[in-house]
Amino acid sequence: MAAVPVVVFSDFACPFSYVTEAALRRMEAAGEVAATHLAWELYPAPAPLPPADAGEWMDALRPLADELGLALRVPPPARTRKAHEAAAFAATKGVGPAMREALFAAHFGEGRDIGRIDVLVEIGAGLGLDATELKVVLDVDTFAPRIAAERDAALRAGVQGVPTIVVGTGDEARWLVGARPFAELRAAILGGD
């Protein structure tokens, strides 16, 4: 069976995106899906960041995170445009999936502020990216237009939140919104439920 193409709209500050992307990585490793990731910044400037989160979502998400072996803590609020830019840069260097995983793990597993360029450079350097080059790319907003364009295109297509997964292409495409247990997500993507 050929891998099912999916387009994933997600944000690194969204805990539901965190577990959904981990489930999709498992499916990609099994050759079941081929994911394309597009940026969706939850709180683009100048929108205010939410207040520090008390983690009301933690009870609902804990079983999904445990099922996938993910560390889960309540992170600080963060703007994620720079994290999306870092992920886009990493993709051009062949380490896009590793960077996405590292960004989520840093934010939700370690409670790091992934809106900070120094944190992003450290994460990227840990994956073998040139720290100086990554810092320059982030400082001069090299990928900012692309990140804004991806969110604008998503809004025009009707995406209203994250995670949103578009399964398949054309008239046969189906939309899955929100996080769900691994087996349920897998069945929805592969079985057409």
N, C-alpha and C. Protein backbone atom coordinates (compact mmCIF):
# COMPACT_ATOMS: atom_id res chain seq x y z
N MET A 1 0.84 -1.18 0.00
CA MET A 1 0.00 0.00 0.00
C MET A 1 0.89 1.25 0.00
N ALA A 2 0.57 2.18 -0.86
CA ALA A 2 1.33 3.44 -0.93
C ALA A 2 0.99 4.32 0.27
N ALA A 3 1.95 5.12 0.68
CA ALA A 3 1.73 6.04 1.80
C ALA A 3 0.64 7.03 1.43
N VAL A 4 -0.25 7.29 2.37
CA VAL A 4 -1.34 8.23 2.18
C VAL A 4 -0.79 9.65 2.36
N PRO A 5 -1.01 10.53 1.38
CA PRO A 5 -0.52 11.91 1.56
C PRO A 5 -1.42 12.65 2.54
N VAL A 6 -0.78 13.35 3.49
CA VAL A 6 -1.52 14.18 4.44
C VAL A 6 -0.83 15.54 4.53
N VAL A 7 -1.63 16.57 4.67
CA VAL A 7 -1.12 17.92 4.92
C VAL A 7 -1.52 18.25 6.35
N VAL A 8 -0.54 18.68 7.13
CA VAL A 8 -0.76 18.91 8.55
C VAL A 8 -0.55 20.38 8.87
N PHE A 9 -1.58 21.01 9.40
CA PHE A 9 -1.48 22.37 9.91
C PHE A 9 -1.33 22.24 11.43
N SER A 10 -0.23 22.77 11.97
CA SER A 10 -0.01 22.63 13.40
C SER A 10 0.82 23.79 13.91
N ASP A 11 0.87 23.88 15.25
CA ASP A 11 1.69 24.92 15.88
C ASP A 11 2.48 24.30 17.02
N PHE A 12 3.70 24.74 17.17
CA PHE A 12 4.59 24.19 18.19
C PHE A 12 4.15 24.54 19.61
N ALA A 13 3.23 25.48 19.78
CA ALA A 13 2.72 25.83 21.11
C ALA A 13 1.39 25.15 21.40
N CYS A 14 0.94 24.28 20.51
CA CYS A 14 -0.34 23.60 20.68
C CYS A 14 -0.09 22.18 21.20
N PRO A 15 -0.54 21.86 22.41
CA PRO A 15 -0.29 20.52 22.94
C PRO A 15 -0.98 19.42 22.13
N PHE A 16 -2.09 19.75 21.49
CA PHE A 16 -2.79 18.76 20.68
C PHE A 16 -2.04 18.49 19.38
N SER A 17 -1.36 19.52 18.85
CA SER A 17 -0.48 19.34 17.70
C SER A 17 0.70 18.45 18.08
N TYR A 18 1.20 18.63 19.29
CA TYR A 18 2.35 17.84 19.78
C TYR A 18 2.06 16.35 19.71
N VAL A 19 0.93 15.92 20.26
CA VAL A 19 0.63 14.48 20.25
C VAL A 19 0.24 14.00 18.85
N THR A 20 -0.42 14.85 18.08
CA THR A 20 -0.82 14.46 16.73
C THR A 20 0.39 14.26 15.84
N GLU A 21 1.35 15.18 15.92
CA GLU A 21 2.55 15.02 15.09
C GLU A 21 3.36 13.80 15.51
N ALA A 22 3.39 13.49 16.80
CA ALA A 22 4.10 12.28 17.24
C ALA A 22 3.44 11.03 16.66
N ALA A 23 2.12 11.01 16.64
CA ALA A 23 1.40 9.87 16.05
C ALA A 23 1.69 9.77 14.56
N LEU A 24 1.70 10.90 13.88
CA LEU A 24 1.99 10.89 12.44
C LEU A 24 3.42 10.44 12.16
N ARG A 25 4.38 10.83 13.03
CA ARG A 25 5.76 10.37 12.85
C ARG A 25 5.82 8.84 12.92
N ARG A 26 5.06 8.26 13.83
CA ARG A 26 5.02 6.80 13.95
C ARG A 26 4.46 6.18 12.67
N MET A 27 3.43 6.79 12.12
CA MET A 27 2.83 6.29 10.89
C MET A 27 3.78 6.50 9.70
N GLU A 28 4.51 7.60 9.68
CA GLU A 28 5.49 7.83 8.61
C GLU A 28 6.60 6.78 8.67
N ALA A 29 7.06 6.49 9.88
CA ALA A 29 8.12 5.49 10.03
C ALA A 29 7.67 4.12 9.52
N ALA A 30 6.38 3.85 9.61
CA ALA A 30 5.83 2.58 9.12
C ALA A 30 5.51 2.64 7.62
N GLY A 31 5.74 3.78 7.00
CA GLY A 31 5.45 3.93 5.58
C GLY A 31 3.98 4.09 5.25
N GLU A 32 3.17 4.44 6.26
CA GLU A 32 1.73 4.54 6.06
C GLU A 32 1.27 5.91 5.59
N VAL A 33 1.98 6.96 5.98
CA VAL A 33 1.62 8.31 5.55
C VAL A 33 2.85 9.04 5.05
N ALA A 34 2.61 10.03 4.22
CA ALA A 34 3.64 10.97 3.77
C ALA A 34 3.11 12.36 4.12
N ALA A 35 3.69 12.96 5.17
CA ALA A 35 3.17 14.22 5.70
C ALA A 35 3.90 15.43 5.14
N THR A 36 3.12 16.45 4.84
CA THR A 36 3.62 17.77 4.52
C THR A 36 3.15 18.68 5.64
N HIS A 37 4.07 19.39 6.27
CA HIS A 37 3.73 20.24 7.42
C HIS A 37 3.68 21.69 6.99
N LEU A 38 2.59 22.36 7.39
CA LEU A 38 2.43 23.78 7.11
C LEU A 38 2.23 24.52 8.43
N ALA A 39 2.77 25.71 8.50
CA ALA A 39 2.75 26.49 9.73
C ALA A 39 1.39 27.11 10.01
N TRP A 40 1.03 27.08 11.27
CA TRP A 40 -0.16 27.78 11.75
C TRP A 40 0.22 28.36 13.10
N GLU A 41 0.58 29.61 13.13
CA GLU A 41 0.96 30.26 14.38
C GLU A 41 -0.31 30.62 15.14
N LEU A 42 -0.45 30.08 16.35
CA LEU A 42 -1.65 30.33 17.15
C LEU A 42 -1.80 31.79 17.55
N TYR A 43 -0.69 32.42 17.90
CA TYR A 43 -0.74 33.79 18.40
C TYR A 43 0.21 34.69 17.62
N PRO A 44 -0.11 34.96 16.34
CA PRO A 44 0.78 35.84 15.57
C PRO A 44 0.73 37.26 16.13
N ALA A 45 1.89 37.92 16.14
CA ALA A 45 1.93 39.31 16.60
C ALA A 45 1.06 40.13 15.66
N PRO A 46 0.34 41.09 16.15
CA PRO A 46 0.37 41.67 17.49
C PRO A 46 -0.67 41.06 18.44
N ALA A 47 -1.29 39.96 18.09
CA ALA A 47 -2.25 39.32 19.01
C ALA A 47 -1.55 39.04 20.34
N PRO A 48 -2.24 39.27 21.44
CA PRO A 48 -1.59 39.02 22.73
C PRO A 48 -1.40 37.51 22.96
N LEU A 49 -0.36 37.21 23.69
CA LEU A 49 -0.17 35.82 24.11
C LEU A 49 -1.20 35.50 25.19
N PRO A 50 -1.58 34.26 25.31
CA PRO A 50 -2.52 33.91 26.38
C PRO A 50 -1.83 34.02 27.72
N PRO A 51 -2.60 34.11 28.80
CA PRO A 51 -1.96 34.11 30.12
C PRO A 51 -1.27 32.76 30.35
N ALA A 52 -0.40 32.74 31.33
CA ALA A 52 0.27 31.48 31.66
C ALA A 52 -0.80 30.41 31.86
N ASP A 53 -0.58 29.28 31.24
CA ASP A 53 -1.56 28.20 31.20
C ASP A 53 -1.53 27.39 32.48
N ALA A 54 -2.70 27.11 33.00
CA ALA A 54 -2.78 26.27 34.19
C ALA A 54 -2.81 24.79 33.80
N GLY A 55 -2.84 24.51 32.51
CA GLY A 55 -2.79 23.13 32.06
C GLY A 55 -4.11 22.40 32.14
N GLU A 56 -5.22 23.12 31.93
CA GLU A 56 -6.53 22.48 31.97
C GLU A 56 -6.64 21.35 30.94
N TRP A 57 -5.88 21.44 29.88
CA TRP A 57 -5.88 20.44 28.82
C TRP A 57 -5.12 19.18 29.20
N MET A 58 -4.34 19.25 30.29
CA MET A 58 -3.43 18.16 30.64
C MET A 58 -4.18 16.84 30.88
N ASP A 59 -5.30 16.88 31.58
CA ASP A 59 -6.03 15.64 31.87
C ASP A 59 -6.50 14.95 30.59
N ALA A 60 -6.98 15.74 29.63
CA ALA A 60 -7.47 15.16 28.37
C ALA A 60 -6.31 14.62 27.54
N LEU A 61 -5.17 15.26 27.63
CA LEU A 61 -4.05 14.92 26.75
C LEU A 61 -3.11 13.87 27.34
N ARG A 62 -3.08 13.74 28.65
CA ARG A 62 -2.14 12.82 29.30
C ARG A 62 -2.21 11.39 28.73
N PRO A 63 -3.40 10.79 28.55
CA PRO A 63 -3.42 9.42 28.01
C PRO A 63 -2.83 9.33 26.60
N LEU A 64 -3.07 10.34 25.77
CA LEU A 64 -2.53 10.32 24.41
C LEU A 64 -1.01 10.46 24.45
N ALA A 65 -0.50 11.34 25.30
CA ALA A 65 0.95 11.52 25.42
C ALA A 65 1.60 10.25 25.97
N ASP A 66 0.97 9.65 26.98
CA ASP A 66 1.53 8.42 27.56
C ASP A 66 1.57 7.31 26.52
N GLU A 67 0.51 7.19 25.72
CA GLU A 67 0.44 6.16 24.69
C GLU A 67 1.60 6.28 23.69
N LEU A 68 2.03 7.52 23.44
CA LEU A 68 3.09 7.77 22.47
C LEU A 68 4.46 7.94 23.12
N GLY A 69 4.53 7.81 24.44
CA GLY A 69 5.80 7.93 25.15
C GLY A 69 6.34 9.34 25.19
N LEU A 70 5.45 10.33 25.25
CA LEU A 70 5.87 11.73 25.22
C LEU A 70 5.91 12.34 26.61
N ALA A 71 6.98 13.07 26.91
CA ALA A 71 7.03 13.86 28.13
C ALA A 71 6.06 15.02 27.96
N LEU A 72 5.37 15.38 29.04
CA LEU A 72 4.36 16.43 28.92
C LEU A 72 4.35 17.29 30.17
N ARG A 73 4.62 18.57 29.97
CA ARG A 73 4.53 19.54 31.06
C ARG A 73 3.88 20.80 30.50
N VAL A 74 3.42 21.65 31.40
CA VAL A 74 2.80 22.90 30.98
C VAL A 74 3.93 23.88 30.68
N PRO A 75 4.05 24.31 29.41
CA PRO A 75 5.14 25.21 29.03
C PRO A 75 4.74 26.68 29.22
N PRO A 76 5.71 27.57 29.13
CA PRO A 76 5.37 29.00 29.16
C PRO A 76 4.71 29.40 27.84
N PRO A 77 3.87 30.44 27.86
CA PRO A 77 3.33 30.92 26.58
C PRO A 77 4.48 31.35 25.67
N ALA A 78 4.33 31.10 24.38
CA ALA A 78 5.41 31.45 23.45
C ALA A 78 4.86 31.83 22.09
N ARG A 79 5.49 32.81 21.49
CA ARG A 79 5.24 33.09 20.08
C ARG A 79 6.03 32.06 19.29
N THR A 80 5.48 31.57 18.22
CA THR A 80 6.13 30.46 17.51
C THR A 80 6.57 30.77 16.09
N ARG A 81 6.44 32.02 15.68
CA ARG A 81 6.85 32.32 14.30
C ARG A 81 8.30 31.93 14.06
N LYS A 82 9.18 32.28 14.99
CA LYS A 82 10.60 31.95 14.82
C LYS A 82 10.82 30.44 14.85
N ALA A 83 10.04 29.72 15.65
CA ALA A 83 10.16 28.25 15.66
C ALA A 83 9.76 27.68 14.31
N HIS A 84 8.69 28.22 13.72
CA HIS A 84 8.30 27.78 12.38
C HIS A 84 9.37 28.11 11.34
N GLU A 85 9.99 29.28 11.50
CA GLU A 85 11.08 29.65 10.58
C GLU A 85 12.26 28.69 10.74
N ALA A 86 12.59 28.34 11.98
CA ALA A 86 13.69 27.40 12.23
C ALA A 86 13.38 26.04 11.62
N ALA A 87 12.13 25.61 11.73
CA ALA A 87 11.74 24.32 11.15
C ALA A 87 11.83 24.37 9.63
N ALA A 88 11.44 25.49 9.03
CA ALA A 88 11.54 25.63 7.57
C ALA A 88 13.00 25.59 7.13
N PHE A 89 13.86 26.28 7.87
CA PHE A 89 15.29 26.25 7.55
C PHE A 89 15.84 24.83 7.68
N ALA A 90 15.49 24.16 8.77
CA ALA A 90 15.97 22.79 8.99
C ALA A 90 15.53 21.86 7.86
N ALA A 91 14.33 22.08 7.34
CA ALA A 91 13.84 21.25 6.24
C ALA A 91 14.72 21.42 5.01
N THR A 92 15.24 22.62 4.79
CA THR A 92 16.12 22.83 3.63
C THR A 92 17.46 22.13 3.81
N LYS A 93 17.79 21.78 5.04
CA LYS A 93 19.07 21.13 5.35
C LYS A 93 18.89 19.63 5.59
N GLY A 94 17.69 19.12 5.35
CA GLY A 94 17.47 17.68 5.47
C GLY A 94 17.16 17.17 6.87
N VAL A 95 16.94 18.08 7.82
CA VAL A 95 16.63 17.64 9.19
C VAL A 95 15.31 18.24 9.68
N GLY A 96 14.40 18.47 8.75
CA GLY A 96 13.11 19.04 9.10
C GLY A 96 12.34 18.23 10.13
N PRO A 97 12.14 16.92 9.90
CA PRO A 97 11.39 16.12 10.88
C PRO A 97 12.06 16.10 12.26
N ALA A 98 13.38 16.00 12.29
CA ALA A 98 14.09 15.99 13.57
C ALA A 98 13.92 17.32 14.29
N MET A 99 13.94 18.43 13.54
CA MET A 99 13.76 19.74 14.15
C MET A 99 12.36 19.89 14.71
N ARG A 100 11.36 19.43 13.97
CA ARG A 100 9.98 19.53 14.46
C ARG A 100 9.84 18.77 15.77
N GLU A 101 10.36 17.56 15.79
CA GLU A 101 10.29 16.74 17.00
C GLU A 101 11.03 17.42 18.15
N ALA A 102 12.21 17.97 17.87
CA ALA A 102 13.01 18.63 18.92
C ALA A 102 12.32 19.88 19.45
N LEU A 103 11.65 20.63 18.58
CA LEU A 103 10.95 21.84 19.02
C LEU A 103 9.80 21.49 19.96
N PHE A 104 9.00 20.50 19.57
CA PHE A 104 7.91 20.07 20.44
C PHE A 104 8.44 19.55 21.77
N ALA A 105 9.49 18.73 21.72
CA ALA A 105 10.05 18.15 22.94
C ALA A 105 10.62 19.24 23.85
N ALA A 106 11.28 20.23 23.28
CA ALA A 106 11.83 21.32 24.08
C ALA A 106 10.71 22.09 24.77
N HIS A 107 9.64 22.34 24.06
CA HIS A 107 8.55 23.14 24.61
C HIS A 107 7.72 22.36 25.63
N PHE A 108 7.21 21.22 25.21
CA PHE A 108 6.30 20.48 26.09
C PHE A 108 6.99 19.48 27.00
N GLY A 109 8.18 19.03 26.64
CA GLY A 109 8.89 18.09 27.49
C GLY A 109 9.80 18.76 28.49
N GLU A 110 10.39 19.91 28.08
CA GLU A 110 11.36 20.60 28.93
C GLU A 110 10.89 21.97 29.40
N GLY A 111 9.79 22.47 28.86
CA GLY A 111 9.27 23.77 29.27
C GLY A 111 10.10 24.94 28.77
N ARG A 112 10.82 24.77 27.66
CA ARG A 112 11.66 25.84 27.13
C ARG A 112 10.85 26.81 26.28
N ASP A 113 11.31 28.05 26.22
CA ASP A 113 10.65 29.10 25.44
C ASP A 113 11.15 29.04 24.01
N ILE A 114 10.38 28.39 23.14
CA ILE A 114 10.79 28.22 21.75
C ILE A 114 10.51 29.45 20.90
N GLY A 115 10.14 30.54 21.54
CA GLY A 115 10.02 31.81 20.83
C GLY A 115 11.34 32.58 20.83
N ARG A 116 12.30 32.10 21.58
CA ARG A 116 13.60 32.77 21.71
C ARG A 116 14.59 32.24 20.69
N ILE A 117 15.24 33.15 19.99
CA ILE A 117 16.20 32.77 18.95
C ILE A 117 17.35 31.98 19.54
N ASP A 118 17.86 32.36 20.72
CA ASP A 118 18.98 31.62 21.30
C ASP A 118 18.60 30.18 21.59
N VAL A 119 17.39 29.94 22.03
CA VAL A 119 16.92 28.57 22.29
C VAL A 119 16.82 27.80 20.98
N LEU A 120 16.28 28.44 19.95
CA LEU A 120 16.16 27.78 18.65
C LEU A 120 17.52 27.44 18.05
N VAL A 121 18.47 28.35 18.19
CA VAL A 121 19.82 28.10 17.68
C VAL A 121 20.45 26.92 18.42
N GLU A 122 20.26 26.86 19.72
CA GLU A 122 20.80 25.74 20.50
C GLU A 122 20.18 24.41 20.06
N ILE A 123 18.88 24.41 19.86
CA ILE A 123 18.19 23.19 19.40
C ILE A 123 18.72 22.79 18.02
N GLY A 124 18.81 23.74 17.12
CA GLY A 124 19.31 23.46 15.77
C GLY A 124 20.74 22.96 15.78
N ALA A 125 21.59 23.56 16.59
CA ALA A 125 22.99 23.13 16.68
C ALA A 125 23.07 21.70 17.18
N GLY A 126 22.16 21.34 18.08
CA GLY A 126 22.12 19.97 18.59
C GLY A 126 21.77 18.95 17.51
N LEU A 127 21.19 19.42 16.43
CA LEU A 127 20.84 18.54 15.30
C LEU A 127 21.88 18.62 14.18
N GLY A 128 22.95 19.38 14.43
CA GLY A 128 24.02 19.48 13.43
C GLY A 128 23.90 20.66 12.50
N LEU A 129 22.93 21.54 12.73
CA LEU A 129 22.82 22.74 11.90
C LEU A 129 23.90 23.74 12.30
N ASP A 130 24.34 24.52 11.35
CA ASP A 130 25.32 25.56 11.63
C ASP A 130 24.63 26.65 12.45
N ALA A 131 25.09 26.85 13.69
CA ALA A 131 24.45 27.79 14.61
C ALA A 131 24.47 29.22 14.08
N THR A 132 25.59 29.62 13.51
CA THR A 132 25.70 30.99 13.00
C THR A 132 24.74 31.21 11.84
N GLU A 133 24.68 30.25 10.93
CA GLU A 133 23.78 30.38 9.78
C GLU A 133 22.32 30.42 10.24
N LEU A 134 21.95 29.55 11.17
CA LEU A 134 20.57 29.55 11.67
C LEU A 134 20.24 30.87 12.35
N LYS A 135 21.16 31.39 13.15
CA LYS A 135 20.90 32.67 13.83
C LYS A 135 20.68 33.78 12.82
N VAL A 136 21.51 33.84 11.79
CA VAL A 136 21.36 34.87 10.77
C VAL A 136 20.01 34.72 10.06
N VAL A 137 19.66 33.50 9.69
CA VAL A 137 18.38 33.25 9.01
C VAL A 137 17.21 33.74 9.87
N LEU A 138 17.30 33.48 11.18
CA LEU A 138 16.22 33.90 12.08
C LEU A 138 16.25 35.41 12.31
N ASP A 139 17.44 35.98 12.44
CA ASP A 139 17.56 37.42 12.67
C ASP A 139 17.00 38.25 11.52
N VAL A 140 17.19 37.78 10.29
CA VAL A 140 16.75 38.58 9.14
C VAL A 140 15.41 38.10 8.57
N ASP A 141 14.73 37.22 9.31
CA ASP A 141 13.37 36.78 8.93
C ASP A 141 13.31 36.14 7.54
N THR A 142 14.31 35.35 7.19
CA THR A 142 14.38 34.74 5.87
C THR A 142 13.10 33.99 5.51
N PHE A 143 12.57 33.23 6.45
CA PHE A 143 11.40 32.40 6.16
C PHE A 143 10.08 33.01 6.64
N ALA A 144 10.12 34.22 7.18
CA ALA A 144 8.90 34.85 7.70
C ALA A 144 7.81 34.98 6.64
N PRO A 145 8.12 35.41 5.42
CA PRO A 145 7.06 35.51 4.41
C PRO A 145 6.41 34.15 4.11
N ARG A 146 7.21 33.12 4.08
CA ARG A 146 6.67 31.78 3.83
C ARG A 146 5.72 31.35 4.95
N ILE A 147 6.11 31.59 6.20
CA ILE A 147 5.29 31.20 7.34
C ILE A 147 3.96 31.96 7.31
N ALA A 148 4.01 33.25 7.03
CA ALA A 148 2.79 34.05 6.94
C ALA A 148 1.91 33.57 5.78
N ALA A 149 2.52 33.24 4.66
CA ALA A 149 1.77 32.78 3.49
C ALA A 149 1.08 31.44 3.77
N GLU A 150 1.75 30.56 4.50
CA GLU A 150 1.13 29.26 4.82
C GLU A 150 -0.11 29.45 5.69
N ARG A 151 -0.03 30.33 6.68
CA ARG A 151 -1.20 30.57 7.54
C ARG A 151 -2.31 31.26 6.75
N ASP A 152 -1.96 32.22 5.92
CA ASP A 152 -2.96 32.91 5.10
C ASP A 152 -3.66 31.93 4.17
N ALA A 153 -2.92 31.04 3.54
CA ALA A 153 -3.51 30.04 2.66
C ALA A 153 -4.43 29.11 3.44
N ALA A 154 -4.02 28.76 4.65
CA ALA A 154 -4.86 27.89 5.49
C ALA A 154 -6.17 28.58 5.83
N LEU A 155 -6.09 29.86 6.17
CA LEU A 155 -7.32 30.61 6.48
C LEU A 155 -8.25 30.66 5.28
N ARG A 156 -7.69 30.89 4.10
CA ARG A 156 -8.51 30.93 2.89
C ARG A 156 -9.15 29.57 2.61
N ALA A 157 -8.44 28.49 2.97
CA ALA A 157 -8.97 27.14 2.74
C ALA A 157 -10.00 26.73 3.78
N GLY A 158 -10.09 27.50 4.86
CA GLY A 158 -11.09 27.19 5.88
C GLY A 158 -10.54 26.58 7.15
N VAL A 159 -9.23 26.48 7.28
CA VAL A 159 -8.66 25.96 8.53
C VAL A 159 -8.97 26.97 9.63
N GLN A 160 -9.49 26.45 10.76
CA GLN A 160 -9.86 27.34 11.85
C GLN A 160 -9.05 27.10 13.12
N GLY A 161 -8.27 26.03 13.14
CA GLY A 161 -7.47 25.74 14.32
C GLY A 161 -6.56 24.57 14.05
N VAL A 162 -5.80 24.22 15.07
CA VAL A 162 -4.83 23.14 14.92
C VAL A 162 -4.99 22.13 16.05
N PRO A 163 -4.60 20.90 15.78
CA PRO A 163 -4.11 20.39 14.51
C PRO A 163 -5.26 20.12 13.54
N THR A 164 -5.01 20.41 12.28
CA THR A 164 -5.91 20.05 11.19
C THR A 164 -5.10 19.23 10.20
N ILE A 165 -5.64 18.07 9.85
CA ILE A 165 -4.98 17.18 8.90
C ILE A 165 -5.89 17.04 7.69
N VAL A 166 -5.33 17.29 6.52
CA VAL A 166 -6.07 17.06 5.28
C VAL A 166 -5.53 15.75 4.71
N VAL A 167 -6.43 14.77 4.61
CA VAL A 167 -6.06 13.44 4.16
C VAL A 167 -6.41 13.29 2.70
N GLY A 168 -5.44 12.90 1.89
CA GLY A 168 -5.69 12.73 0.46
C GLY A 168 -5.66 14.06 -0.26
N THR A 169 -6.07 14.02 -1.52
CA THR A 169 -6.02 15.22 -2.35
C THR A 169 -7.29 15.36 -3.17
N GLY A 170 -7.47 16.55 -3.71
CA GLY A 170 -8.59 16.81 -4.63
C GLY A 170 -9.95 16.63 -3.98
N ASP A 171 -10.91 16.17 -4.80
CA ASP A 171 -12.28 16.02 -4.33
C ASP A 171 -12.42 14.95 -3.25
N GLU A 172 -11.44 14.06 -3.17
CA GLU A 172 -11.49 12.97 -2.19
C GLU A 172 -10.87 13.35 -0.85
N ALA A 173 -10.35 14.55 -0.72
CA ALA A 173 -9.69 14.97 0.52
C ALA A 173 -10.69 15.01 1.67
N ARG A 174 -10.20 14.58 2.84
CA ARG A 174 -10.99 14.61 4.07
C ARG A 174 -10.23 15.40 5.11
N TRP A 175 -10.93 16.09 5.99
CA TRP A 175 -10.32 16.89 7.04
C TRP A 175 -10.53 16.23 8.39
N LEU A 176 -9.45 16.14 9.15
CA LEU A 176 -9.51 15.65 10.53
C LEU A 176 -9.03 16.79 11.42
N VAL A 177 -9.82 17.14 12.41
CA VAL A 177 -9.48 18.27 13.27
C VAL A 177 -9.37 17.78 14.71
N GLY A 178 -8.31 18.20 15.37
CA GLY A 178 -8.12 17.85 16.78
C GLY A 178 -7.28 16.61 16.98
N ALA A 179 -6.93 16.37 18.23
CA ALA A 179 -6.14 15.20 18.59
C ALA A 179 -7.06 14.04 18.92
N ARG A 180 -6.54 12.84 18.70
CA ARG A 180 -7.28 11.62 19.02
C ARG A 180 -6.30 10.51 19.32
N PRO A 181 -6.76 9.44 19.99
CA PRO A 181 -5.85 8.32 20.26
C PRO A 181 -5.24 7.78 18.97
N PHE A 182 -4.05 7.20 19.10
CA PHE A 182 -3.31 6.74 17.94
C PHE A 182 -4.13 5.81 17.04
N ALA A 183 -4.74 4.79 17.61
CA ALA A 183 -5.49 3.82 16.80
C ALA A 183 -6.64 4.50 16.07
N GLU A 184 -7.28 5.44 16.71
CA GLU A 184 -8.39 6.16 16.08
C GLU A 184 -7.90 7.05 14.95
N LEU A 185 -6.78 7.74 15.16
CA LEU A 185 -6.20 8.58 14.11
C LEU A 185 -5.78 7.72 12.93
N ARG A 186 -5.10 6.62 13.22
CA ARG A 186 -4.63 5.73 12.17
C ARG A 186 -5.81 5.19 11.34
N ALA A 187 -6.88 4.79 12.02
CA ALA A 187 -8.06 4.28 11.32
C ALA A 187 -8.70 5.37 10.48
N ALA A 188 -8.74 6.59 11.01
CA ALA A 188 -9.37 7.70 10.27
C ALA A 188 -8.58 8.03 9.02
N ILE A 189 -7.26 7.92 9.09
CA ILE A 189 -6.44 8.22 7.92
C ILE A 189 -6.41 7.06 6.93
N LEU A 190 -6.17 5.88 7.42
CA LEU A 190 -5.99 4.73 6.53
C LEU A 190 -7.30 4.06 6.13
N GLY A 191 -8.27 4.13 7.04
CA GLY A 191 -9.53 3.43 6.77
C GLY A 191 -10.62 4.31 6.21
N GLY A 192 -10.37 5.61 6.20
CA GLY A 192 -11.37 6.51 5.64
C GLY A 192 -12.54 6.79 6.55
N ASP A 193 -12.37 6.48 7.87
CA ASP A 193 -13.48 6.74 8.80
C ASP A 193 -13.66 8.22 9.05
